N, C-alpha and C. Protein backbone atom coordinates (compact mmCIF):
# COMPACT_ATOMS: atom_id res chain seq x y z
N MET A 1 -1.20 1.65 -13.02
CA MET A 1 -0.88 0.36 -12.42
C MET A 1 -1.75 0.16 -11.19
N SER A 2 -2.39 -0.95 -11.09
CA SER A 2 -3.22 -1.26 -9.94
C SER A 2 -2.37 -1.98 -8.90
N THR A 3 -2.66 -1.67 -7.65
CA THR A 3 -1.98 -2.39 -6.58
C THR A 3 -2.99 -3.25 -5.85
N ARG A 4 -4.04 -3.62 -6.53
CA ARG A 4 -5.07 -4.45 -5.91
C ARG A 4 -4.54 -5.86 -5.71
N PRO A 5 -4.47 -6.31 -4.45
CA PRO A 5 -3.98 -7.66 -4.19
C PRO A 5 -4.98 -8.70 -4.66
N SER A 6 -4.62 -9.96 -4.53
CA SER A 6 -5.53 -11.03 -4.94
C SER A 6 -6.88 -10.85 -4.28
N VAL A 7 -7.91 -11.22 -4.98
CA VAL A 7 -9.27 -10.91 -4.57
C VAL A 7 -9.72 -11.78 -3.40
N SER A 8 -10.30 -11.14 -2.41
CA SER A 8 -10.93 -11.84 -1.30
C SER A 8 -12.43 -11.72 -1.49
N PRO A 9 -13.22 -12.55 -0.82
CA PRO A 9 -14.68 -12.42 -0.97
C PRO A 9 -15.18 -11.02 -0.64
N ALA A 10 -14.61 -10.39 0.38
CA ALA A 10 -15.05 -9.05 0.78
C ALA A 10 -14.74 -8.01 -0.29
N ALA A 11 -13.70 -8.23 -1.06
CA ALA A 11 -13.28 -7.24 -2.04
C ALA A 11 -13.66 -7.61 -3.46
N ALA A 12 -14.36 -8.69 -3.65
CA ALA A 12 -14.66 -9.17 -5.00
C ALA A 12 -15.45 -8.16 -5.82
N THR A 13 -16.25 -7.34 -5.19
CA THR A 13 -17.07 -6.39 -5.93
C THR A 13 -16.46 -5.00 -6.03
N LEU A 14 -15.23 -4.84 -5.57
CA LEU A 14 -14.59 -3.53 -5.62
C LEU A 14 -14.15 -3.18 -7.03
N PRO A 15 -14.20 -1.89 -7.36
CA PRO A 15 -13.65 -1.48 -8.65
C PRO A 15 -12.13 -1.59 -8.61
N GLU A 16 -11.52 -1.70 -9.77
CA GLU A 16 -10.06 -1.70 -9.87
C GLU A 16 -9.59 -0.32 -9.42
N MET A 17 -8.66 -0.26 -8.47
CA MET A 17 -8.24 1.03 -7.94
C MET A 17 -6.73 1.17 -7.91
N PRO A 18 -6.22 2.32 -8.33
CA PRO A 18 -4.78 2.58 -8.22
C PRO A 18 -4.41 2.96 -6.78
N LEU A 19 -3.12 2.99 -6.52
CA LEU A 19 -2.62 3.26 -5.18
C LEU A 19 -3.17 4.55 -4.56
N PRO A 20 -3.27 5.67 -5.27
CA PRO A 20 -3.80 6.87 -4.59
C PRO A 20 -5.21 6.67 -4.03
N GLU A 21 -6.04 5.91 -4.73
CA GLU A 21 -7.40 5.69 -4.24
C GLU A 21 -7.40 4.79 -3.00
N TRP A 22 -6.57 3.77 -2.99
CA TRP A 22 -6.45 2.92 -1.80
C TRP A 22 -5.94 3.76 -0.62
N LEU A 23 -4.98 4.62 -0.88
CA LEU A 23 -4.41 5.45 0.17
C LEU A 23 -5.47 6.39 0.75
N VAL A 24 -6.19 7.10 -0.12
CA VAL A 24 -7.23 8.02 0.35
C VAL A 24 -8.32 7.26 1.10
N LEU A 25 -8.75 6.14 0.56
CA LEU A 25 -9.79 5.35 1.23
C LEU A 25 -9.34 4.93 2.62
N THR A 26 -8.12 4.46 2.75
CA THR A 26 -7.64 3.99 4.05
C THR A 26 -7.50 5.14 5.04
N ILE A 27 -7.01 6.28 4.57
CA ILE A 27 -6.92 7.46 5.45
C ILE A 27 -8.30 7.81 5.98
N LEU A 28 -9.29 7.85 5.08
CA LEU A 28 -10.65 8.23 5.48
C LEU A 28 -11.35 7.14 6.29
N ALA A 29 -10.93 5.90 6.13
CA ALA A 29 -11.47 4.81 6.95
C ALA A 29 -10.93 4.90 8.37
N GLN A 30 -9.70 5.38 8.50
CA GLN A 30 -9.11 5.50 9.83
C GLN A 30 -9.65 6.70 10.59
N GLN A 31 -9.92 7.80 9.84
CA GLN A 31 -10.44 9.01 10.49
C GLN A 31 -11.04 9.91 9.41
N PRO A 32 -12.30 10.29 9.56
CA PRO A 32 -12.90 11.20 8.58
C PRO A 32 -12.09 12.50 8.46
N ALA A 33 -12.03 13.04 7.26
CA ALA A 33 -11.26 14.26 7.02
C ALA A 33 -11.76 14.93 5.75
N HIS A 34 -11.36 16.17 5.56
CA HIS A 34 -11.67 16.85 4.32
C HIS A 34 -10.50 16.67 3.36
N GLY A 35 -10.74 16.92 2.10
CA GLY A 35 -9.73 16.69 1.07
C GLY A 35 -8.43 17.41 1.33
N PHE A 36 -8.50 18.66 1.82
CA PHE A 36 -7.28 19.42 2.04
C PHE A 36 -6.40 18.78 3.11
N ALA A 37 -7.02 18.17 4.13
CA ALA A 37 -6.25 17.48 5.17
C ALA A 37 -5.51 16.28 4.57
N VAL A 38 -6.17 15.57 3.65
CA VAL A 38 -5.52 14.44 2.98
C VAL A 38 -4.39 14.94 2.10
N VAL A 39 -4.62 16.05 1.40
CA VAL A 39 -3.57 16.66 0.56
C VAL A 39 -2.35 16.97 1.42
N GLN A 40 -2.56 17.54 2.60
CA GLN A 40 -1.43 17.88 3.48
C GLN A 40 -0.67 16.64 3.93
N LEU A 41 -1.38 15.55 4.20
CA LEU A 41 -0.71 14.31 4.62
C LEU A 41 0.19 13.75 3.52
N THR A 42 -0.23 13.92 2.26
CA THR A 42 0.49 13.31 1.14
C THR A 42 1.36 14.30 0.37
N ALA A 43 1.46 15.52 0.88
CA ALA A 43 2.31 16.54 0.25
C ALA A 43 3.78 16.23 0.55
N PRO A 44 4.73 16.86 -0.18
CA PRO A 44 6.15 16.56 0.03
C PRO A 44 6.61 16.60 1.49
N GLY A 45 6.13 17.51 2.31
CA GLY A 45 6.53 17.55 3.72
C GLY A 45 5.57 16.83 4.65
N GLY A 46 4.56 16.18 4.11
CA GLY A 46 3.54 15.54 4.93
C GLY A 46 3.98 14.21 5.52
N GLU A 47 3.25 13.77 6.50
CA GLU A 47 3.55 12.52 7.19
C GLU A 47 3.66 11.33 6.23
N LEU A 48 2.75 11.24 5.26
CA LEU A 48 2.79 10.16 4.28
C LEU A 48 3.52 10.57 3.01
N GLY A 49 3.60 11.87 2.76
CA GLY A 49 4.30 12.38 1.58
C GLY A 49 5.79 12.09 1.60
N ARG A 50 6.34 11.88 2.77
CA ARG A 50 7.77 11.53 2.84
C ARG A 50 8.02 10.12 2.29
N ILE A 51 6.96 9.33 2.20
CA ILE A 51 7.06 7.99 1.62
C ILE A 51 6.69 8.03 0.15
N TRP A 52 5.55 8.67 -0.13
CA TRP A 52 5.04 8.70 -1.50
C TRP A 52 4.16 9.93 -1.65
N GLN A 53 4.55 10.84 -2.51
CA GLN A 53 3.81 12.09 -2.69
C GLN A 53 2.70 11.92 -3.72
N VAL A 54 1.55 12.49 -3.38
CA VAL A 54 0.40 12.43 -4.27
C VAL A 54 -0.03 13.87 -4.55
N PRO A 55 -0.07 14.27 -5.81
CA PRO A 55 -0.49 15.64 -6.13
C PRO A 55 -1.93 15.92 -5.71
N LYS A 56 -2.20 17.18 -5.40
CA LYS A 56 -3.52 17.64 -4.95
C LYS A 56 -4.63 17.20 -5.90
N ALA A 57 -4.42 17.37 -7.19
CA ALA A 57 -5.46 17.01 -8.16
C ALA A 57 -5.78 15.52 -8.11
N VAL A 58 -4.77 14.70 -7.87
CA VAL A 58 -4.96 13.25 -7.81
C VAL A 58 -5.78 12.88 -6.56
N ILE A 59 -5.52 13.58 -5.46
CA ILE A 59 -6.28 13.32 -4.22
C ILE A 59 -7.76 13.63 -4.45
N TYR A 60 -8.04 14.79 -5.04
CA TYR A 60 -9.45 15.17 -5.26
C TYR A 60 -10.12 14.26 -6.29
N ARG A 61 -9.38 13.82 -7.29
CA ARG A 61 -9.94 12.86 -8.26
C ARG A 61 -10.24 11.53 -7.57
N ALA A 62 -9.35 11.11 -6.66
CA ALA A 62 -9.58 9.87 -5.90
C ALA A 62 -10.83 10.00 -5.04
N ILE A 63 -11.00 11.14 -4.39
CA ILE A 63 -12.20 11.35 -3.58
C ILE A 63 -13.45 11.23 -4.45
N GLY A 64 -13.43 11.83 -5.63
CA GLY A 64 -14.57 11.72 -6.54
C GLY A 64 -14.87 10.30 -6.95
N ARG A 65 -13.84 9.55 -7.26
CA ARG A 65 -14.05 8.14 -7.66
C ARG A 65 -14.54 7.29 -6.49
N LEU A 66 -14.01 7.55 -5.29
CA LEU A 66 -14.45 6.81 -4.11
C LEU A 66 -15.90 7.14 -3.76
N LEU A 67 -16.29 8.39 -3.96
CA LEU A 67 -17.70 8.76 -3.77
C LEU A 67 -18.58 8.02 -4.77
N ASP A 68 -18.16 8.01 -6.04
CA ASP A 68 -18.92 7.32 -7.09
C ASP A 68 -19.07 5.83 -6.79
N ALA A 69 -18.04 5.24 -6.20
CA ALA A 69 -18.05 3.81 -5.88
C ALA A 69 -18.75 3.53 -4.55
N GLU A 70 -19.21 4.59 -3.89
CA GLU A 70 -19.89 4.48 -2.59
C GLU A 70 -19.02 3.84 -1.51
N LEU A 71 -17.71 4.11 -1.60
CA LEU A 71 -16.78 3.64 -0.58
C LEU A 71 -16.55 4.70 0.49
N ILE A 72 -16.83 5.97 0.15
CA ILE A 72 -16.81 7.06 1.11
C ILE A 72 -18.10 7.86 0.94
N ALA A 73 -18.42 8.66 1.95
CA ALA A 73 -19.61 9.51 1.90
C ALA A 73 -19.33 10.78 2.69
N PRO A 74 -20.00 11.88 2.33
CA PRO A 74 -19.85 13.11 3.12
C PRO A 74 -20.43 12.90 4.51
N GLU A 75 -19.73 13.41 5.52
CA GLU A 75 -20.20 13.26 6.90
C GLU A 75 -20.56 14.60 7.54
N ALA A 76 -19.87 15.66 7.14
CA ALA A 76 -20.10 16.98 7.74
C ALA A 76 -19.49 18.04 6.84
N THR A 77 -19.74 19.28 7.21
CA THR A 77 -19.12 20.41 6.51
C THR A 77 -18.42 21.26 7.55
N GLU A 78 -17.16 21.55 7.30
CA GLU A 78 -16.38 22.41 8.20
C GLU A 78 -16.48 23.84 7.70
N VAL A 79 -16.86 24.74 8.58
CA VAL A 79 -16.93 26.15 8.23
C VAL A 79 -15.71 26.82 8.83
N GLY A 80 -15.06 27.66 8.05
CA GLY A 80 -13.88 28.36 8.54
C GLY A 80 -13.70 29.65 7.79
N PRO A 81 -12.52 30.25 7.93
CA PRO A 81 -12.29 31.53 7.26
C PRO A 81 -12.25 31.40 5.73
N GLY A 82 -11.92 30.24 5.24
CA GLY A 82 -11.87 30.01 3.79
C GLY A 82 -13.15 29.35 3.33
N PRO A 83 -13.07 28.67 2.21
CA PRO A 83 -14.27 27.97 1.72
C PRO A 83 -14.67 26.83 2.65
N GLN A 84 -15.95 26.48 2.61
CA GLN A 84 -16.43 25.36 3.40
C GLN A 84 -15.77 24.08 2.89
N ARG A 85 -15.46 23.20 3.81
CA ARG A 85 -14.82 21.94 3.44
C ARG A 85 -15.70 20.78 3.85
N THR A 86 -15.91 19.87 2.91
CA THR A 86 -16.69 18.68 3.19
C THR A 86 -15.80 17.63 3.84
N VAL A 87 -16.25 17.10 4.95
CA VAL A 87 -15.53 16.03 5.65
C VAL A 87 -16.11 14.71 5.15
N TYR A 88 -15.21 13.82 4.70
CA TYR A 88 -15.61 12.51 4.18
C TYR A 88 -15.16 11.42 5.13
N GLY A 89 -15.94 10.36 5.18
CA GLY A 89 -15.57 9.18 5.94
C GLY A 89 -15.90 7.95 5.11
N ALA A 90 -15.29 6.86 5.46
CA ALA A 90 -15.54 5.61 4.73
C ALA A 90 -16.91 5.05 5.10
N THR A 91 -17.57 4.48 4.13
CA THR A 91 -18.81 3.74 4.38
C THR A 91 -18.42 2.40 5.00
N PRO A 92 -19.37 1.64 5.52
CA PRO A 92 -19.01 0.32 6.05
C PRO A 92 -18.28 -0.54 5.00
N ARG A 93 -18.75 -0.53 3.77
CA ARG A 93 -18.09 -1.28 2.69
C ARG A 93 -16.68 -0.71 2.44
N GLY A 94 -16.54 0.61 2.53
CA GLY A 94 -15.24 1.23 2.36
C GLY A 94 -14.27 0.86 3.46
N ARG A 95 -14.76 0.81 4.71
CA ARG A 95 -13.89 0.40 5.83
C ARG A 95 -13.45 -1.05 5.67
N GLU A 96 -14.37 -1.89 5.23
CA GLU A 96 -14.03 -3.30 5.02
C GLU A 96 -12.97 -3.44 3.92
N ALA A 97 -13.15 -2.68 2.85
CA ALA A 97 -12.17 -2.72 1.75
C ALA A 97 -10.81 -2.20 2.21
N ALA A 98 -10.80 -1.10 2.96
CA ALA A 98 -9.54 -0.54 3.45
C ALA A 98 -8.83 -1.52 4.37
N ASP A 99 -9.57 -2.17 5.26
CA ASP A 99 -8.97 -3.16 6.16
C ASP A 99 -8.35 -4.31 5.36
N TRP A 100 -9.08 -4.76 4.34
CA TRP A 100 -8.57 -5.85 3.50
C TRP A 100 -7.28 -5.42 2.80
N TRP A 101 -7.29 -4.24 2.18
CA TRP A 101 -6.12 -3.76 1.44
C TRP A 101 -4.93 -3.58 2.38
N LEU A 102 -5.19 -3.03 3.56
CA LEU A 102 -4.12 -2.77 4.51
C LEU A 102 -3.44 -4.04 4.98
N GLY A 103 -4.16 -5.15 5.02
CA GLY A 103 -3.58 -6.41 5.46
C GLY A 103 -3.02 -7.28 4.36
N ALA A 104 -3.20 -6.87 3.11
CA ALA A 104 -2.75 -7.69 1.97
C ALA A 104 -1.33 -7.32 1.57
N PRO A 105 -0.47 -8.31 1.35
CA PRO A 105 0.90 -8.01 0.92
C PRO A 105 0.91 -7.48 -0.51
N VAL A 106 1.96 -6.76 -0.85
CA VAL A 106 2.11 -6.30 -2.23
C VAL A 106 2.59 -7.48 -3.08
N ALA A 107 2.23 -7.45 -4.34
CA ALA A 107 2.52 -8.58 -5.22
C ALA A 107 3.89 -8.52 -5.88
N HIS A 108 4.49 -7.35 -5.91
CA HIS A 108 5.76 -7.18 -6.62
C HIS A 108 6.80 -6.52 -5.72
N VAL A 109 8.04 -6.90 -5.89
CA VAL A 109 9.13 -6.32 -5.10
C VAL A 109 9.16 -4.81 -5.30
N ARG A 110 8.89 -4.34 -6.52
CA ARG A 110 8.95 -2.90 -6.80
C ARG A 110 7.93 -2.11 -5.99
N GLU A 111 6.90 -2.75 -5.45
CA GLU A 111 5.88 -2.05 -4.67
C GLU A 111 6.24 -1.92 -3.19
N ILE A 112 7.37 -2.50 -2.79
CA ILE A 112 7.80 -2.40 -1.39
C ILE A 112 8.03 -0.93 -1.04
N ARG A 113 8.67 -0.19 -1.94
CA ARG A 113 9.03 1.22 -1.68
C ARG A 113 7.81 2.12 -1.60
N SER A 114 6.73 1.78 -2.25
CA SER A 114 5.56 2.66 -2.25
C SER A 114 4.43 2.05 -1.41
N ALA A 115 3.70 1.13 -1.97
CA ALA A 115 2.49 0.61 -1.31
C ALA A 115 2.79 -0.04 0.04
N PHE A 116 3.82 -0.86 0.11
CA PHE A 116 4.10 -1.56 1.37
C PHE A 116 4.49 -0.59 2.48
N LEU A 117 5.39 0.36 2.18
CA LEU A 117 5.78 1.34 3.20
C LEU A 117 4.58 2.19 3.63
N LEU A 118 3.70 2.53 2.68
CA LEU A 118 2.50 3.27 3.03
C LEU A 118 1.62 2.45 3.98
N LYS A 119 1.48 1.17 3.70
CA LYS A 119 0.68 0.32 4.57
C LYS A 119 1.27 0.29 5.98
N LEU A 120 2.59 0.16 6.08
CA LEU A 120 3.22 0.16 7.40
C LEU A 120 3.00 1.48 8.12
N ALA A 121 3.10 2.59 7.39
CA ALA A 121 2.88 3.91 8.00
C ALA A 121 1.43 4.07 8.44
N LEU A 122 0.49 3.61 7.63
CA LEU A 122 -0.93 3.70 7.98
C LEU A 122 -1.26 2.83 9.19
N LEU A 123 -0.66 1.64 9.25
CA LEU A 123 -0.85 0.78 10.43
C LEU A 123 -0.30 1.46 11.67
N ASP A 124 0.87 2.08 11.54
CA ASP A 124 1.48 2.78 12.66
C ASP A 124 0.61 3.95 13.11
N ARG A 125 0.08 4.73 12.16
CA ARG A 125 -0.81 5.86 12.49
C ARG A 125 -2.03 5.37 13.28
N ALA A 126 -2.51 4.18 12.95
CA ALA A 126 -3.70 3.63 13.61
C ALA A 126 -3.35 2.90 14.91
N GLY A 127 -2.07 2.76 15.21
CA GLY A 127 -1.66 2.03 16.41
C GLY A 127 -1.90 0.53 16.28
N ALA A 128 -1.91 0.04 15.03
CA ALA A 128 -2.20 -1.37 14.77
C ALA A 128 -0.91 -2.18 14.66
N ASP A 129 -0.99 -3.45 14.97
CA ASP A 129 0.13 -4.37 14.90
C ASP A 129 0.37 -4.78 13.44
N PRO A 130 1.57 -4.56 12.90
CA PRO A 130 1.85 -4.90 11.51
C PRO A 130 2.31 -6.34 11.30
N SER A 131 2.38 -7.15 12.35
CA SER A 131 3.00 -8.48 12.22
C SER A 131 2.30 -9.36 11.19
N GLY A 132 0.98 -9.30 11.09
CA GLY A 132 0.28 -10.10 10.09
C GLY A 132 0.66 -9.71 8.68
N LEU A 133 0.75 -8.41 8.42
CA LEU A 133 1.18 -7.93 7.10
C LEU A 133 2.63 -8.33 6.84
N LEU A 134 3.49 -8.22 7.82
CA LEU A 134 4.89 -8.58 7.64
C LEU A 134 5.05 -10.06 7.30
N ARG A 135 4.31 -10.92 8.00
CA ARG A 135 4.36 -12.36 7.70
C ARG A 135 3.84 -12.65 6.29
N ALA A 136 2.72 -12.02 5.95
CA ALA A 136 2.15 -12.23 4.61
C ALA A 136 3.09 -11.73 3.53
N GLN A 137 3.77 -10.61 3.79
CA GLN A 137 4.70 -10.07 2.79
C GLN A 137 5.89 -11.00 2.60
N ARG A 138 6.41 -11.53 3.68
CA ARG A 138 7.53 -12.48 3.57
C ARG A 138 7.09 -13.70 2.78
N ALA A 139 5.92 -14.21 3.07
CA ALA A 139 5.41 -15.40 2.37
C ALA A 139 5.22 -15.12 0.88
N THR A 140 4.94 -13.90 0.52
CA THR A 140 4.79 -13.52 -0.89
C THR A 140 6.15 -13.34 -1.56
N LEU A 141 7.10 -12.74 -0.86
CA LEU A 141 8.40 -12.43 -1.46
C LEU A 141 9.34 -13.63 -1.57
N GLU A 142 9.32 -14.54 -0.61
CA GLU A 142 10.27 -15.65 -0.64
C GLU A 142 10.18 -16.50 -1.91
N PRO A 143 8.98 -16.91 -2.36
CA PRO A 143 8.93 -17.68 -3.61
C PRO A 143 9.38 -16.87 -4.83
N ILE A 144 9.14 -15.57 -4.81
CA ILE A 144 9.60 -14.72 -5.91
C ILE A 144 11.12 -14.72 -5.95
N ALA A 145 11.74 -14.55 -4.78
CA ALA A 145 13.21 -14.54 -4.72
C ALA A 145 13.79 -15.88 -5.18
N ARG A 146 13.15 -16.99 -4.76
CA ARG A 146 13.64 -18.30 -5.18
C ARG A 146 13.49 -18.50 -6.69
N ALA A 147 12.39 -18.05 -7.26
CA ALA A 147 12.17 -18.19 -8.70
C ALA A 147 13.17 -17.37 -9.49
N ILE A 148 13.48 -16.18 -9.00
CA ILE A 148 14.48 -15.34 -9.67
C ILE A 148 15.84 -16.02 -9.61
N GLU A 149 16.18 -16.57 -8.45
CA GLU A 149 17.47 -17.27 -8.27
C GLU A 149 17.58 -18.43 -9.26
N THR A 150 16.52 -19.18 -9.42
CA THR A 150 16.51 -20.32 -10.34
C THR A 150 16.67 -19.85 -11.78
N SER A 151 15.96 -18.80 -12.15
CA SER A 151 16.03 -18.28 -13.52
C SER A 151 17.39 -17.67 -13.83
N LEU A 152 18.02 -17.09 -12.84
CA LEU A 152 19.30 -16.41 -13.04
C LEU A 152 20.38 -17.38 -13.49
N ALA A 153 20.33 -18.60 -12.98
CA ALA A 153 21.37 -19.59 -13.30
C ALA A 153 21.50 -19.86 -14.79
N GLY A 154 20.42 -19.85 -15.53
CA GLY A 154 20.48 -20.18 -16.96
C GLY A 154 20.36 -18.98 -17.88
N SER A 155 20.47 -17.78 -17.36
CA SER A 155 20.27 -16.60 -18.20
C SER A 155 21.58 -16.04 -18.72
N THR A 156 21.47 -15.32 -19.83
CA THR A 156 22.63 -14.67 -20.45
C THR A 156 22.23 -13.29 -20.94
N GLY A 157 23.22 -12.51 -21.33
CA GLY A 157 22.95 -11.19 -21.91
C GLY A 157 22.22 -10.28 -20.94
N PHE A 158 21.37 -9.43 -21.53
CA PHE A 158 20.65 -8.47 -20.69
C PHE A 158 19.67 -9.16 -19.75
N ASP A 159 19.15 -10.33 -20.15
CA ASP A 159 18.28 -11.08 -19.25
C ASP A 159 18.99 -11.36 -17.93
N ALA A 160 20.28 -11.71 -18.00
CA ALA A 160 21.05 -11.97 -16.78
C ALA A 160 21.19 -10.69 -15.96
N THR A 161 21.40 -9.58 -16.64
CA THR A 161 21.52 -8.30 -15.94
C THR A 161 20.22 -7.95 -15.23
N LEU A 162 19.12 -8.07 -15.94
CA LEU A 162 17.82 -7.75 -15.37
C LEU A 162 17.49 -8.67 -14.19
N LEU A 163 17.74 -9.96 -14.36
CA LEU A 163 17.49 -10.91 -13.27
C LEU A 163 18.39 -10.65 -12.07
N ALA A 164 19.63 -10.23 -12.33
CA ALA A 164 20.54 -9.90 -11.22
C ALA A 164 19.99 -8.71 -10.44
N TRP A 165 19.45 -7.72 -11.15
CA TRP A 165 18.84 -6.58 -10.48
C TRP A 165 17.62 -7.01 -9.66
N ARG A 166 16.78 -7.83 -10.26
CA ARG A 166 15.58 -8.29 -9.56
C ARG A 166 15.95 -9.13 -8.33
N ARG A 167 16.96 -9.96 -8.47
CA ARG A 167 17.42 -10.77 -7.35
C ARG A 167 17.93 -9.89 -6.22
N ALA A 168 18.78 -8.89 -6.56
CA ALA A 168 19.31 -7.99 -5.54
C ALA A 168 18.17 -7.23 -4.85
N SER A 169 17.17 -6.81 -5.61
CA SER A 169 16.03 -6.10 -5.03
C SER A 169 15.23 -7.01 -4.11
N ALA A 170 15.00 -8.25 -4.52
CA ALA A 170 14.24 -9.19 -3.69
C ALA A 170 14.99 -9.51 -2.40
N VAL A 171 16.30 -9.74 -2.51
CA VAL A 171 17.11 -10.03 -1.32
C VAL A 171 17.11 -8.82 -0.38
N ALA A 172 17.21 -7.61 -0.95
CA ALA A 172 17.17 -6.40 -0.12
C ALA A 172 15.82 -6.26 0.58
N ALA A 173 14.74 -6.57 -0.12
CA ALA A 173 13.40 -6.48 0.48
C ALA A 173 13.27 -7.48 1.63
N LEU A 174 13.77 -8.69 1.43
CA LEU A 174 13.72 -9.69 2.50
C LEU A 174 14.60 -9.28 3.68
N ASP A 175 15.76 -8.69 3.40
CA ASP A 175 16.63 -8.20 4.46
C ASP A 175 15.93 -7.08 5.23
N PHE A 176 15.22 -6.22 4.51
CA PHE A 176 14.44 -5.15 5.14
C PHE A 176 13.41 -5.75 6.09
N LEU A 177 12.70 -6.79 5.65
CA LEU A 177 11.71 -7.44 6.52
C LEU A 177 12.39 -8.03 7.75
N ASP A 178 13.57 -8.63 7.57
CA ASP A 178 14.30 -9.17 8.71
C ASP A 178 14.67 -8.07 9.70
N THR A 179 15.02 -6.89 9.18
CA THR A 179 15.43 -5.78 10.03
C THR A 179 14.26 -5.26 10.86
N ILE A 180 13.08 -5.12 10.25
CA ILE A 180 11.95 -4.55 10.99
C ILE A 180 11.15 -5.61 11.74
N ASP A 181 11.33 -6.88 11.39
CA ASP A 181 10.60 -7.97 12.05
C ASP A 181 11.54 -9.15 12.25
N PRO A 182 12.52 -8.99 13.16
CA PRO A 182 13.52 -10.05 13.33
C PRO A 182 12.92 -11.39 13.78
N GLN A 183 11.72 -11.39 14.33
CA GLN A 183 11.08 -12.63 14.78
C GLN A 183 10.23 -13.25 13.68
N GLY A 184 10.22 -12.64 12.49
CA GLY A 184 9.38 -13.13 11.40
C GLY A 184 9.71 -14.56 11.02
N GLU A 185 8.70 -15.28 10.61
CA GLU A 185 8.87 -16.67 10.25
C GLU A 185 9.17 -16.81 8.77
N ARG A 186 10.27 -17.46 8.46
CA ARG A 186 10.61 -17.73 7.07
C ARG A 186 9.86 -18.98 6.62
N THR A 187 9.42 -18.96 5.37
CA THR A 187 8.74 -20.12 4.84
C THR A 187 9.68 -21.02 4.06
N GLY A 188 10.91 -20.61 3.96
CA GLY A 188 11.90 -21.41 3.24
C GLY A 188 13.27 -20.79 3.45
N PRO A 189 14.29 -21.38 2.85
CA PRO A 189 15.62 -20.81 3.01
C PRO A 189 15.75 -19.47 2.31
N ALA A 190 16.53 -18.60 2.89
CA ALA A 190 16.78 -17.30 2.26
C ALA A 190 17.60 -17.50 1.00
N PRO A 191 17.38 -16.69 -0.02
CA PRO A 191 18.16 -16.81 -1.24
C PRO A 191 19.64 -16.54 -0.94
N ALA A 192 20.49 -17.15 -1.71
CA ALA A 192 21.93 -16.95 -1.54
C ALA A 192 22.30 -15.51 -1.85
N PRO A 193 23.25 -14.93 -1.12
CA PRO A 193 23.65 -13.54 -1.39
C PRO A 193 24.37 -13.40 -2.71
């Protein structure tokens, strides 16, 4: 599943990328690191792993794909007691892509738990203001919640059950945004509870 948001001119030439690649790219755009450092961040006890865990093999595969796409490049080699480690950093195009992805809202309510929380954590790590992302996310979620509410009224059977679940998830996501950004601007009325 791709979490690539709607295309901007800066990102129009980017390859289709899954969440682990966006995550690795953004980490390396914020600060050059070697693969093992990224693995530690996304491991079960890691700073980002508490949100979404990424297996070691997936991290190294993402690094390979990002190298192939010329979004990251080797910057140095760390020598230590173990094997030498290559330090990677984002290329200018990679930094631009990471900035774009970091500011783009997720397209689906189900991505709030993974991609959106990762974006908030990455913004926090960088000391960046998340208010633009929070506003964009609210603007994306409110029409979804309203459309679900409209569809729910005429549904029956399992469709009604599924729409009720989607509605509850959308309302919870909007409530979450209200909790972390109480000054956020609503673009319309909140869906009925």
